[in-house]
């Protein structure tokens, strides 16, 4: 590794050899991740596990202001919006270069978005780009001059700036994409505070300090992201000194870290939803009564208080309460009512139905998925539904669920962390978001009224009116019950006491450019 000091490299070698009592080297932050990343191409990934790495390698035109979901300048110094809300003009920084030495300019911005959005682009085959939906309203992206870029939208699109701040909007090096093609995700190049060094499959991703970072070189010399899929193993490594930071701490381990002055526990609320996708196309869940029955049958209080030990609240619908302006709280969670569940199941003639239940071993925002699935399975058995659990590693799980559940499963766990109330319902509940169309509506839910409300909300720039529309969506989807709404998580992480300037963000992104290690 070119930029790691020899001493740090030697310390890492000892650490990865599993030597007892090994400590992390100075200047190097070791982060315990929940899974192996799928790719380091920001336009090609969908999971927070991958986002936690890519946001440290790349920048966007804008970013979320620290501690908020408000948008502030990043690679753009400022911008203007036309009166009709369809033209955004960004003025770009003129002192930024990509980590491969090539210039950041308006042409790079155009390349980034056209690669993703134009099927006839010469590098569109470096995808797929599953979240291109975020920019479906973009008609053209034009370099007005070297440091000015214009986005013309088909119609007003309220989430546009927020979507630009999301990892899908990060700017990639055109020359690196041209050099590596479909392997760009293994050779990422951006303008971020850290640059890619190496990726050893199922072992580590190493990024090193970008001395030419436009905001100034970060304090850390390197970050090592380690995939440690088993939560108990992550805890053991954290306690033994093998990690500096651990994300998504198991609930039953939080108190251990709180009681130890060697560690600090971080918690931050954000827009998260843990739910069960129900196959509304075929099988028992094609009947709304059975879907509602599942929502009544699951003891969500027991899940949040016992399994998750107070690290999450009970969910009511697809719009997380973190978006207070879009969720007025008038829709309440389904109560635990197994008698009501049995009644609905009997009405639907679904007594004794066998269900295939896809469960993940871990994954972004999935909390304690196996334990939660086991508890849910027991709750469903009490009301006469026989759920057979099939467990998969995270990336394998996604490859099974994202193409749709038809012919494979009746239900599947899922979790989303989002940046706007539009994101989750638009990508996973619209009739036009079926897997065959590139969306994430893996349960095939369709309601024309929901489609209409979501389209209207996207075109409405007045936040009060948008909020009214999303509250209508919440009410309809809660009643239709295409999902079982389970939990809204309060994200957490633990860091060693010597880690300074670390924080969690409501965006669920892991920004490490200001972190140091004393």
Protein backbone atom coordinates (compact mmCIF):
# COMPACT_ATOMS: atom_id res chain seq x y z
CA UNK A 1 0.00 0.00 0.00
CA UNK A 2 1.71 3.12 -1.25
CA UNK A 3 0.75 5.64 1.39
CA UNK A 4 0.74 3.64 4.59
CA UNK A 5 3.88 4.01 6.67
CA UNK A 6 5.81 0.78 7.02
CA UNK A 7 5.12 0.66 10.75
CA UNK A 8 1.40 1.02 10.23
CA UNK A 9 1.46 -1.67 7.56
CA UNK A 10 3.31 -4.01 9.91
CA UNK A 11 0.76 -3.35 12.65
CA UNK A 12 -2.05 -4.12 10.24
CA UNK A 13 -0.37 -7.35 9.22
CA UNK A 14 -0.16 -8.44 12.88
CA UNK A 15 -3.79 -7.43 13.41
CA UNK A 16 -5.11 -9.37 10.43
CA UNK A 17 -3.05 -12.42 11.39
CA UNK A 18 -5.26 -12.72 14.46
CA UNK A 19 -2.47 -12.22 16.99
CA UNK A 20 -3.79 -12.06 20.52
CA UNK A 21 -4.03 -8.58 22.01
CA UNK A 22 -3.31 -6.91 18.68
CA UNK A 23 -4.11 -3.19 18.69
CA UNK A 24 -5.01 -0.98 15.77
CA UNK A 25 -2.07 1.11 14.48
CA UNK A 26 -1.89 4.90 15.05
CA UNK A 27 -3.24 7.05 12.26
CA UNK A 28 -5.33 4.17 10.90
CA UNK A 29 -9.03 3.76 11.69
CA UNK A 30 -10.44 0.23 11.54
CA UNK A 31 -14.19 0.15 10.96
CA UNK A 32 -16.20 -3.03 11.53
CA UNK A 33 -18.76 -3.25 8.74
CA UNK A 34 -21.76 -5.58 8.59
CA UNK A 35 -21.02 -7.13 5.20
CA UNK A 36 -18.73 -7.24 2.21
CA UNK A 37 -19.45 -4.30 -0.12
CA UNK A 38 -21.03 -5.10 -3.45
CA UNK A 39 -19.24 -2.35 -5.37
CA UNK A 40 -17.54 1.02 -4.82
CA UNK A 41 -19.23 2.63 -7.81
CA UNK A 42 -21.66 5.09 -6.16
CA UNK A 43 -24.20 4.84 -8.97
CA UNK A 44 -24.21 1.02 -8.86
CA UNK A 45 -24.98 0.39 -5.17
CA UNK A 46 -28.08 0.66 -3.00
CA UNK A 47 -27.03 -0.40 0.51
CA UNK A 48 -25.85 1.77 3.41
CA UNK A 49 -23.09 -0.77 3.97
CA UNK A 50 -21.57 0.35 0.63
CA UNK A 51 -22.57 4.00 1.07
CA UNK A 52 -20.48 4.18 4.26
CA UNK A 53 -17.37 3.65 2.17
CA UNK A 54 -18.16 5.56 -1.03
CA UNK A 55 -19.06 8.84 0.70
CA UNK A 56 -15.46 9.02 1.87
CA UNK A 57 -14.09 8.49 -1.65
CA UNK A 58 -16.33 10.85 -3.62
CA UNK A 59 -18.12 14.18 -3.34
CA UNK A 60 -21.37 15.40 -4.80
CA UNK A 61 -22.40 18.81 -6.05
CA UNK A 62 -24.17 19.23 -2.71
CA UNK A 63 -24.18 17.35 0.59
CA UNK A 64 -26.20 17.10 3.77
CA UNK A 65 -25.25 19.71 6.35
CA UNK A 66 -23.70 18.07 9.40
CA UNK A 67 -26.34 16.76 11.78
CA UNK A 68 -29.25 17.49 9.44
CA UNK A 69 -30.95 16.50 6.19
CA UNK A 70 -30.59 20.08 4.92
CA UNK A 71 -28.60 20.53 1.72
CA UNK A 72 -25.45 22.68 1.52
CA UNK A 73 -22.78 23.29 -1.17
CA UNK A 74 -20.01 20.77 -1.81
CA UNK A 75 -18.43 20.57 -5.28
CA UNK A 76 -20.84 23.32 -6.29
CA UNK A 77 -20.29 26.68 -4.61
CA UNK A 78 -23.89 27.78 -5.20
CA UNK A 79 -26.84 27.31 -7.53
CA UNK A 80 -29.92 29.01 -8.92
CA UNK A 81 -33.38 27.59 -9.69
CA UNK A 82 -35.61 28.93 -12.44
CA UNK A 83 -38.97 30.40 -11.49
CA UNK A 84 -40.83 27.41 -12.88
CA UNK A 85 -38.64 25.01 -10.86
CA UNK A 86 -37.34 23.09 -13.89
CA UNK A 87 -33.81 24.49 -14.43
CA UNK A 88 -31.03 24.18 -11.83
CA UNK A 89 -27.75 25.93 -12.62
CA UNK A 90 -24.70 25.04 -10.51
CA UNK A 91 -21.46 27.01 -10.25
CA UNK A 92 -18.59 24.60 -9.61
CA UNK A 93 -15.40 24.88 -7.61
CA UNK A 94 -12.38 25.58 -9.79
CA UNK A 95 -9.73 24.18 -7.44
CA UNK A 96 -10.66 20.48 -7.40
CA UNK A 97 -8.99 17.50 -9.08
CA UNK A 98 -9.90 13.83 -9.07
CA UNK A 99 -7.66 11.45 -7.19
CA UNK A 100 -6.19 10.27 -10.54
CA UNK A 101 -4.99 13.80 -11.27
CA UNK A 102 -7.62 14.64 -13.88
CA UNK A 103 -9.64 17.85 -13.51
CA UNK A 104 -13.06 18.06 -11.94
CA UNK A 105 -15.24 20.21 -14.17
CA UNK A 106 -18.69 20.50 -15.73
CA UNK A 107 -17.89 17.80 -18.28
CA UNK A 108 -17.26 15.34 -15.42
CA UNK A 109 -20.68 16.14 -13.98
CA UNK A 110 -22.33 15.63 -17.37
CA UNK A 111 -20.47 12.32 -17.81
CA UNK A 112 -21.52 11.06 -14.37
CA UNK A 113 -25.22 11.62 -14.94
CA UNK A 114 -25.40 10.72 -18.63
CA UNK A 115 -23.58 7.43 -17.95
CA UNK A 116 -26.38 6.58 -15.53
CA UNK A 117 -29.38 8.03 -17.37
CA UNK A 118 -28.74 7.59 -21.11
CA UNK A 119 -28.99 4.06 -22.46
CA UNK A 120 -26.99 5.03 -25.53
CA UNK A 121 -24.10 6.46 -23.51
CA UNK A 122 -20.85 4.60 -24.38
CA UNK A 123 -20.30 3.73 -20.71
CA UNK A 124 -23.89 2.93 -19.71
CA UNK A 125 -22.87 -0.75 -19.74
CA UNK A 126 -20.70 -0.12 -16.66
CA UNK A 127 -23.96 -0.34 -14.66
CA UNK A 128 -26.58 -1.42 -13.81
CA UNK A 129 -27.69 1.73 -12.00
CA UNK A 130 -30.54 0.63 -9.71
CA UNK A 131 -31.21 4.06 -8.20
CA UNK A 132 -31.28 5.97 -11.48
CA UNK A 133 -34.95 6.49 -10.51
CA UNK A 134 -33.65 9.26 -8.24
CA UNK A 135 -33.03 11.36 -11.34
CA UNK A 136 -35.84 10.18 -13.60
CA UNK A 137 -37.06 13.77 -14.01
CA UNK A 138 -33.75 14.98 -15.49
CA UNK A 139 -34.19 15.79 -19.17
CA UNK A 140 -30.72 17.15 -19.98
CA UNK A 141 -27.42 17.89 -18.24
CA UNK A 142 -25.37 20.55 -20.01
CA UNK A 143 -21.91 22.01 -19.44
CA UNK A 144 -22.49 25.75 -19.97
CA UNK A 145 -18.78 26.37 -19.49
CA UNK A 146 -15.92 24.65 -17.66
CA UNK A 147 -17.31 25.42 -14.21
CA UNK A 148 -21.05 25.82 -14.82
CA UNK A 149 -23.48 22.95 -15.29
CA UNK A 150 -27.21 23.09 -15.95
CA UNK A 151 -29.83 20.43 -15.18
CA UNK A 152 -33.08 20.78 -17.07
CA UNK A 153 -35.98 18.82 -15.55
CA UNK A 154 -39.08 17.52 -17.30
CA UNK A 155 -41.21 19.10 -14.57
CA UNK A 156 -40.73 20.50 -11.06
CA UNK A 157 -39.18 17.83 -8.85
CA UNK A 158 -39.12 18.58 -5.13
CA UNK A 159 -36.59 15.91 -4.01
CA UNK A 160 -33.97 16.91 -6.61
CA UNK A 161 -31.42 18.64 -4.35
CA UNK A 162 -31.84 16.02 -1.63
CA UNK A 163 -31.26 13.26 -4.19
CA UNK A 164 -28.11 15.03 -5.41
CA UNK A 165 -26.80 14.85 -1.83
CA UNK A 166 -27.41 11.10 -1.69
CA UNK A 167 -24.58 8.71 -2.74
CA UNK A 168 -26.22 8.12 -6.13
CA UNK A 169 -25.36 11.75 -6.96
CA UNK A 170 -21.63 11.47 -6.19
CA UNK A 171 -19.34 12.51 -9.04
CA UNK A 172 -17.02 9.92 -10.62
CA UNK A 173 -13.82 10.40 -12.62
CA UNK A 174 -14.67 9.98 -16.32
CA UNK A 175 -11.10 8.91 -17.15
CA UNK A 176 -11.18 6.18 -14.49
CA UNK A 177 -14.49 4.84 -15.81
CA UNK A 178 -13.04 4.81 -19.31
CA UNK A 179 -9.92 3.00 -18.08
CA UNK A 180 -11.60 0.35 -15.94
CA UNK A 181 -15.00 0.00 -17.59
CA UNK A 182 -17.15 -2.56 -15.80
CA UNK A 183 -14.39 -2.98 -13.19
CA UNK A 184 -14.65 0.67 -12.10
CA UNK A 185 -16.46 -0.44 -8.93
CA UNK A 186 -13.24 -2.22 -7.95
CA UNK A 187 -11.06 0.76 -8.88
CA UNK A 188 -13.02 3.79 -7.65
CA UNK A 189 -11.81 7.34 -8.26
CA UNK A 190 -13.53 10.44 -6.91
CA UNK A 191 -12.60 13.78 -5.34
CA UNK A 192 -13.16 12.78 -1.71
CA UNK A 193 -11.07 13.05 1.43
CA UNK A 194 -9.76 9.51 1.00
CA UNK A 195 -8.62 7.59 -2.06
CA UNK A 196 -8.88 3.92 -2.80
CA UNK A 197 -5.87 1.74 -1.99
CA UNK A 198 -6.91 -1.93 -2.05
CA UNK A 199 -9.81 -4.34 -1.75
CA UNK A 200 -9.11 -7.83 -0.53
CA UNK A 201 -12.32 -9.80 -0.94
CA UNK A 202 -14.06 -10.67 2.34
CA UNK A 203 -11.13 -9.19 4.27
CA UNK A 204 -10.87 -5.43 3.94
CA UNK A 205 -11.19 -2.30 1.85
CA UNK A 206 -8.36 0.16 2.50
CA UNK A 207 -8.56 3.87 1.69
CA UNK A 208 -5.76 6.37 2.32
CA UNK A 209 -5.54 10.09 2.93
CA UNK A 210 -6.02 12.36 -0.08
CA UNK A 211 -3.38 15.03 0.53
CA UNK A 212 -4.90 17.11 -2.29
CA UNK A 213 -8.45 17.07 -0.92
CA UNK A 214 -10.07 20.42 -1.69
CA UNK A 215 -11.11 20.99 1.94
CA UNK A 216 -7.65 20.07 3.24
CA UNK A 217 -6.07 16.70 3.97
CA UNK A 218 -7.95 14.71 6.64
CA UNK A 219 -6.29 13.86 9.97
CA UNK A 220 -6.37 10.08 9.46
CA UNK A 221 -3.72 8.46 7.31
CA UNK A 222 -5.92 5.53 6.35
CA UNK A 223 -9.23 3.79 7.01
CA UNK A 224 -9.71 0.04 6.85
CA UNK A 225 -13.29 -1.15 6.38
CA UNK A 226 -13.57 -4.76 7.52
CA UNK A 227 -16.60 -6.93 6.75
CA UNK A 228 -17.45 -8.81 9.95
CA UNK A 229 -20.84 -10.28 9.17
CA UNK A 230 -21.45 -12.00 12.49
CA UNK A 231 -22.55 -9.43 15.08
CA UNK A 232 -21.10 -11.35 18.03
CA UNK A 233 -17.74 -11.55 16.27
CA UNK A 234 -17.81 -7.78 15.68
CA UNK A 235 -18.46 -7.26 19.37
CA UNK A 236 -15.62 -9.59 20.35
CA UNK A 237 -13.21 -7.84 17.99
CA UNK A 238 -14.23 -4.45 19.32
CA UNK A 239 -13.70 -5.54 22.92
CA UNK A 240 -10.33 -7.15 22.15
CA UNK A 241 -8.93 -4.08 20.38
CA UNK A 242 -9.22 -5.28 16.79
CA UNK A 243 -11.59 -2.46 15.74
CA UNK A 244 -11.79 1.28 16.39
CA UNK A 245 -15.38 1.76 15.27
CA UNK A 246 -18.23 -0.69 15.01
CA UNK A 247 -21.52 0.12 13.29
CA UNK A 248 -24.92 -1.41 14.08
CA UNK A 249 -24.17 -2.69 17.57
CA UNK A 250 -26.35 -5.61 18.69
CA UNK A 251 -28.87 -4.32 21.25
CA UNK A 252 -27.80 -6.76 23.95
CA UNK A 253 -24.20 -5.47 23.73
CA UNK A 254 -24.90 -1.76 24.04
CA UNK A 255 -24.84 -1.69 27.83
CA UNK A 256 -21.51 -3.50 27.89
CA UNK A 257 -19.96 -0.67 25.89
CA UNK A 258 -21.78 2.03 27.86
CA UNK A 259 -20.35 0.66 31.09
CA UNK A 260 -16.76 0.61 29.81
CA UNK A 261 -14.90 3.98 29.77
CA UNK A 262 -12.69 2.65 26.96
CA UNK A 263 -15.63 3.11 24.57
CA UNK A 264 -18.24 5.66 23.62
CA UNK A 265 -21.67 4.73 22.26
CA UNK A 266 -23.25 6.96 19.61
CA UNK A 267 -26.96 7.01 18.74
CA UNK A 268 -28.85 9.07 16.18
CA UNK A 269 -32.45 8.96 15.01
CA UNK A 270 -33.06 9.00 11.30
CA UNK A 271 -35.54 8.04 8.59
CA UNK A 272 -35.43 4.23 8.78
CA UNK A 273 -38.07 1.55 8.26
CA UNK A 274 -37.77 -2.19 8.94
CA UNK A 275 -40.63 -4.09 7.31
CA UNK A 276 -41.76 -7.31 5.70
CA UNK A 277 -42.40 -7.29 1.96
CA UNK A 278 -45.56 -9.32 1.30
CA UNK A 279 -46.11 -10.96 -2.08
CA UNK A 280 -49.39 -9.36 -3.17
CA UNK A 281 -49.29 -11.03 -6.59
CA UNK A 282 -49.83 -14.67 -5.71
CA UNK A 283 -50.28 -16.82 -2.63
CA UNK A 284 -52.12 -15.95 0.59
CA UNK A 285 -51.00 -12.30 0.58
CA UNK A 286 -52.86 -11.55 -2.65
CA UNK A 287 -55.78 -11.09 -0.21
CA UNK A 288 -55.62 -7.81 1.73
CA UNK A 289 -57.25 -9.45 4.74
CA UNK A 290 -54.32 -11.83 5.17
CA UNK A 291 -51.85 -8.96 4.83
CA UNK A 292 -53.69 -7.03 7.50
CA UNK A 293 -53.79 -10.16 9.63
CA UNK A 294 -49.99 -10.38 9.59
CA UNK A 295 -49.79 -6.79 10.81
CA UNK A 296 -52.15 -7.64 13.69
CA UNK A 297 -50.43 -10.95 14.45
CA UNK A 298 -46.91 -9.64 15.04
CA UNK A 299 -46.14 -8.45 18.56
CA UNK A 300 -44.12 -5.40 17.57
CA UNK A 301 -43.81 -4.17 21.14
CA UNK A 302 -42.08 -7.42 22.09
CA UNK A 303 -39.78 -7.07 19.08
CA UNK A 304 -38.77 -3.48 19.81
CA UNK A 305 -38.51 -3.85 23.58
CA UNK A 306 -37.18 -7.39 23.97
CA UNK A 307 -35.36 -8.38 20.78
CA UNK A 308 -34.17 -4.86 19.94
CA UNK A 309 -34.05 -3.73 23.58
CA UNK A 310 -35.42 -0.25 23.03
CA UNK A 311 -33.21 0.67 20.06
CA UNK A 312 -36.25 1.10 17.78
CA UNK A 313 -39.82 2.33 17.87
CA UNK A 314 -42.89 0.60 16.43
CA UNK A 315 -43.55 1.61 12.81
CA UNK A 316 -46.94 2.63 11.44
CA UNK A 317 -46.45 2.96 7.70
CA UNK A 318 -44.05 3.70 4.83
CA UNK A 319 -43.23 7.30 5.86
CA UNK A 320 -40.84 7.27 8.87
CA UNK A 321 -41.68 9.72 11.70
CA UNK A 322 -38.25 11.34 11.27
CA UNK A 323 -39.92 13.22 8.40
CA UNK A 324 -42.18 15.07 10.82
CA UNK A 325 -43.45 17.45 8.12
CA UNK A 326 -44.64 14.46 6.05
CA UNK A 327 -45.93 12.28 8.89
CA UNK A 328 -48.36 13.98 11.27
CA UNK A 329 -48.74 10.89 13.45
CA UNK A 330 -52.44 10.45 12.69
CA UNK A 331 -51.84 6.92 11.36
CA UNK A 332 -51.10 4.68 14.29
CA UNK A 333 -49.34 1.28 14.23
CA UNK A 334 -51.43 -1.86 13.91
CA UNK A 335 -52.10 -3.06 17.47
CA UNK A 336 -51.11 -6.54 18.54
CA UNK A 337 -54.38 -8.39 18.17
CA UNK A 338 -54.01 -12.13 17.39
CA UNK A 339 -57.77 -12.67 17.70
CA UNK A 340 -58.40 -10.09 14.95
CA UNK A 341 -55.67 -11.77 12.88
CA UNK A 342 -57.32 -15.20 13.22
CA UNK A 343 -60.68 -13.71 12.26
CA UNK A 344 -59.29 -12.14 9.07
CA UNK A 345 -57.40 -15.30 8.14
CA UNK A 346 -60.56 -17.36 8.57
CA UNK A 347 -62.58 -14.92 6.43
CA UNK A 348 -59.96 -15.21 3.69
CA UNK A 349 -59.87 -19.01 3.89
CA UNK A 350 -56.14 -18.95 4.58
CA UNK A 351 -56.08 -21.03 7.77
CA UNK A 352 -53.03 -23.26 7.93
CA UNK A 353 -51.36 -21.55 4.95
CA UNK A 354 -47.69 -22.38 4.36
CA UNK A 355 -45.43 -19.38 3.76
CA UNK A 356 -41.87 -19.13 2.46
CA UNK A 357 -40.07 -16.42 4.44
CA UNK A 358 -36.77 -14.97 3.15
CA UNK A 359 -34.47 -13.86 5.96
CA UNK A 360 -31.02 -12.28 5.83
CA UNK A 361 -28.12 -13.06 8.16
CA UNK A 362 -27.29 -9.34 8.37
CA UNK A 363 -27.24 -6.23 6.22
CA UNK A 364 -27.69 -2.49 6.19
CA UNK A 365 -30.25 -1.42 8.78
CA UNK A 366 -31.49 -4.98 9.21
CA UNK A 367 -30.99 -4.82 13.00
CA UNK A 368 -31.19 -8.38 14.40
CA UNK A 369 -32.79 -10.10 11.40
CA UNK A 370 -32.56 -13.77 12.39
CA UNK A 371 -33.84 -13.23 15.93
CA UNK A 372 -36.61 -10.97 14.62
CA UNK A 373 -37.60 -13.53 12.00
CA UNK A 374 -37.76 -16.29 14.59
CA UNK A 375 -40.05 -14.19 16.79
CA UNK A 376 -42.24 -13.28 13.81
CA UNK A 377 -42.43 -16.92 12.78
CA UNK A 378 -43.69 -17.82 16.26
CA UNK A 379 -46.28 -15.04 16.21
CA UNK A 380 -47.60 -16.18 12.84
CA UNK A 381 -47.80 -19.79 14.03
CA UNK A 382 -50.09 -18.65 16.86
CA UNK A 383 -52.63 -17.40 14.31
CA UNK A 384 -52.39 -20.41 11.98
CA UNK A 385 -49.80 -19.31 9.42
CA UNK A 386 -46.81 -21.62 8.95
CA UNK A 387 -43.77 -19.61 7.90
CA UNK A 388 -40.74 -21.54 6.71
CA UNK A 389 -37.57 -19.46 7.10
CA UNK A 390 -34.90 -19.48 4.39
CA UNK A 391 -31.75 -17.63 5.47
CA UNK A 392 -29.21 -16.02 3.13
CA UNK A 393 -26.03 -13.96 3.28
CA UNK A 394 -26.84 -10.26 2.65
CA UNK A 395 -25.77 -9.85 -0.98
CA UNK A 396 -27.28 -13.23 -1.91
CA UNK A 397 -30.45 -12.20 -0.10
CA UNK A 398 -30.67 -9.00 -2.16
CA UNK A 399 -30.12 -10.93 -5.38
CA UNK A 400 -33.11 -13.11 -4.44
CA UNK A 401 -35.44 -10.35 -3.21
CA UNK A 402 -34.78 -7.40 -5.53
CA UNK A 403 -35.88 -9.23 -8.73
CA UNK A 404 -39.25 -9.91 -7.06
CA UNK A 405 -40.81 -12.63 -4.91
CA UNK A 406 -43.11 -14.18 -7.52
CA UNK A 407 -42.75 -17.95 -7.65
CA UNK A 408 -40.16 -17.93 -4.88
CA UNK A 409 -41.38 -16.52 -1.58
CA UNK A 410 -44.42 -15.11 0.19
CA UNK A 411 -42.57 -12.63 2.39
CA UNK A 412 -39.14 -11.16 2.93
CA UNK A 413 -37.45 -8.92 5.47
CA UNK A 414 -36.29 -5.51 4.30
CA UNK A 415 -35.02 -2.20 5.67
CA UNK A 416 -34.49 1.19 4.07
CA UNK A 417 -32.74 4.34 5.23
CA UNK A 418 -33.87 7.27 3.11
CA UNK A 419 -33.18 10.95 2.53
CA UNK A 420 -36.67 12.10 1.53
CA UNK A 421 -40.23 10.84 2.17
CA UNK A 422 -40.53 10.33 -1.59
CA UNK A 423 -37.71 7.79 -1.81
CA UNK A 424 -39.05 4.57 -0.35
CA UNK A 425 -42.66 4.68 -1.60
CA UNK A 426 -41.60 5.94 -5.03
CA UNK A 427 -38.99 3.21 -5.51
CA UNK A 428 -40.82 0.36 -3.80
CA UNK A 429 -44.60 0.94 -3.85
CA UNK A 430 -45.48 2.51 -7.21
CA UNK A 431 -47.12 0.46 -9.94
CA UNK A 432 -44.31 1.57 -12.29
CA UNK A 433 -41.60 0.43 -9.86
CA UNK A 434 -41.99 -3.30 -10.45
CA UNK A 435 -38.72 -5.28 -10.59
CA UNK A 436 -39.25 -5.81 -14.32
CA UNK A 437 -39.12 -2.02 -14.71
CA UNK A 438 -35.96 -1.65 -12.61
CA UNK A 439 -37.74 -0.71 -9.39
CA UNK A 440 -37.84 -2.30 -5.93
CA UNK A 441 -41.55 -3.16 -5.69
CA UNK A 442 -40.67 -6.78 -4.98
CA UNK A 443 -44.14 -7.52 -3.60
CA UNK A 444 -45.97 -6.13 -6.69
CA UNK A 445 -48.21 -3.68 -4.84
CA UNK A 446 -50.33 -1.46 -7.08
CA UNK A 447 -52.80 1.27 -6.18
CA UNK A 448 -53.55 3.99 -8.78
CA UNK A 449 -54.47 6.49 -6.06
CA UNK A 450 -51.07 6.03 -4.38
CA UNK A 451 -49.37 6.43 -7.77
CA UNK A 452 -51.23 9.68 -8.37
CA UNK A 453 -50.43 11.09 -4.92
CA UNK A 454 -46.74 10.25 -5.21
CA UNK A 455 -46.48 11.87 -8.64
CA UNK A 456 -48.25 14.99 -7.37
CA UNK A 457 -46.03 15.20 -4.28
CA UNK A 458 -42.88 15.06 -6.42
CA UNK A 459 -44.06 18.03 -8.48
CA UNK A 460 -45.08 20.10 -5.45
CA UNK A 461 -42.37 22.43 -4.14
CA UNK A 462 -44.43 23.73 -1.19
CA UNK A 463 -43.46 21.53 1.76
CA UNK A 464 -46.78 21.92 3.57
CA UNK A 465 -48.69 20.68 0.54
CA UNK A 466 -46.19 17.87 0.00
CA UNK A 467 -46.68 16.84 3.62
CA UNK A 468 -50.45 16.69 3.16
CA UNK A 469 -50.03 14.37 0.18
CA UNK A 470 -47.63 12.05 1.97
CA UNK A 471 -50.00 11.79 4.92
CA UNK A 472 -52.65 10.56 2.46
CA UNK A 473 -50.17 7.99 1.11
CA UNK A 474 -49.43 6.85 4.65
CA UNK A 475 -53.13 6.28 5.38
CA UNK A 476 -53.88 4.34 2.17
CA UNK A 477 -50.78 2.14 2.32
CA UNK A 478 -51.33 1.41 6.02
CA UNK A 479 -54.80 0.08 5.16
CA UNK A 480 -53.71 -1.83 2.04
CA UNK A 481 -50.89 -3.42 4.08
CA UNK A 482 -48.56 -4.45 1.24
CA UNK A 483 -45.91 -4.65 3.95
CA UNK A 484 -45.91 -5.56 7.61
CA UNK A 485 -44.68 -2.35 9.28
CA UNK A 486 -42.37 -3.32 12.12
CA UNK A 487 -39.79 -0.82 13.39
CA UNK A 488 -38.11 2.56 13.00
CA UNK A 489 -34.52 2.21 14.17
CA UNK A 490 -32.39 4.63 16.16
CA UNK A 491 -29.02 3.92 14.54
CA UNK A 492 -26.01 3.31 16.73
CA UNK A 493 -22.27 2.81 16.65
CA UNK A 494 -19.49 2.40 19.20
CA UNK A 495 -15.99 3.84 18.99
CA UNK A 496 -12.89 3.56 21.12
CA UNK A 497 -12.45 6.54 23.46
CA UNK A 498 -9.38 7.76 21.57
CA UNK A 499 -11.43 8.27 18.40
CA UNK A 500 -12.21 11.99 18.15
CA UNK A 501 -14.74 14.03 16.11
CA UNK A 502 -16.77 10.96 15.24
CA UNK A 503 -20.53 11.34 14.85
CA UNK A 504 -23.53 9.65 13.30
CA UNK A 505 -25.66 11.46 10.75
CA UNK A 506 -29.46 11.36 10.28
CA UNK A 507 -28.69 10.49 6.64
CA UNK A 508 -27.12 7.22 7.90
CA UNK A 509 -23.95 8.13 5.97
CA UNK A 510 -20.61 7.63 7.72
CA UNK A 511 -18.57 10.80 7.13
CA UNK A 512 -15.01 10.31 8.41
CA UNK A 513 -13.04 13.23 6.94
CA UNK A 514 -12.82 15.07 10.28
CA UNK A 515 -12.16 12.02 12.48
CA UNK A 516 -8.83 11.63 14.26
CA UNK A 517 -7.38 9.03 16.59
CA UNK A 518 -5.60 10.21 19.72
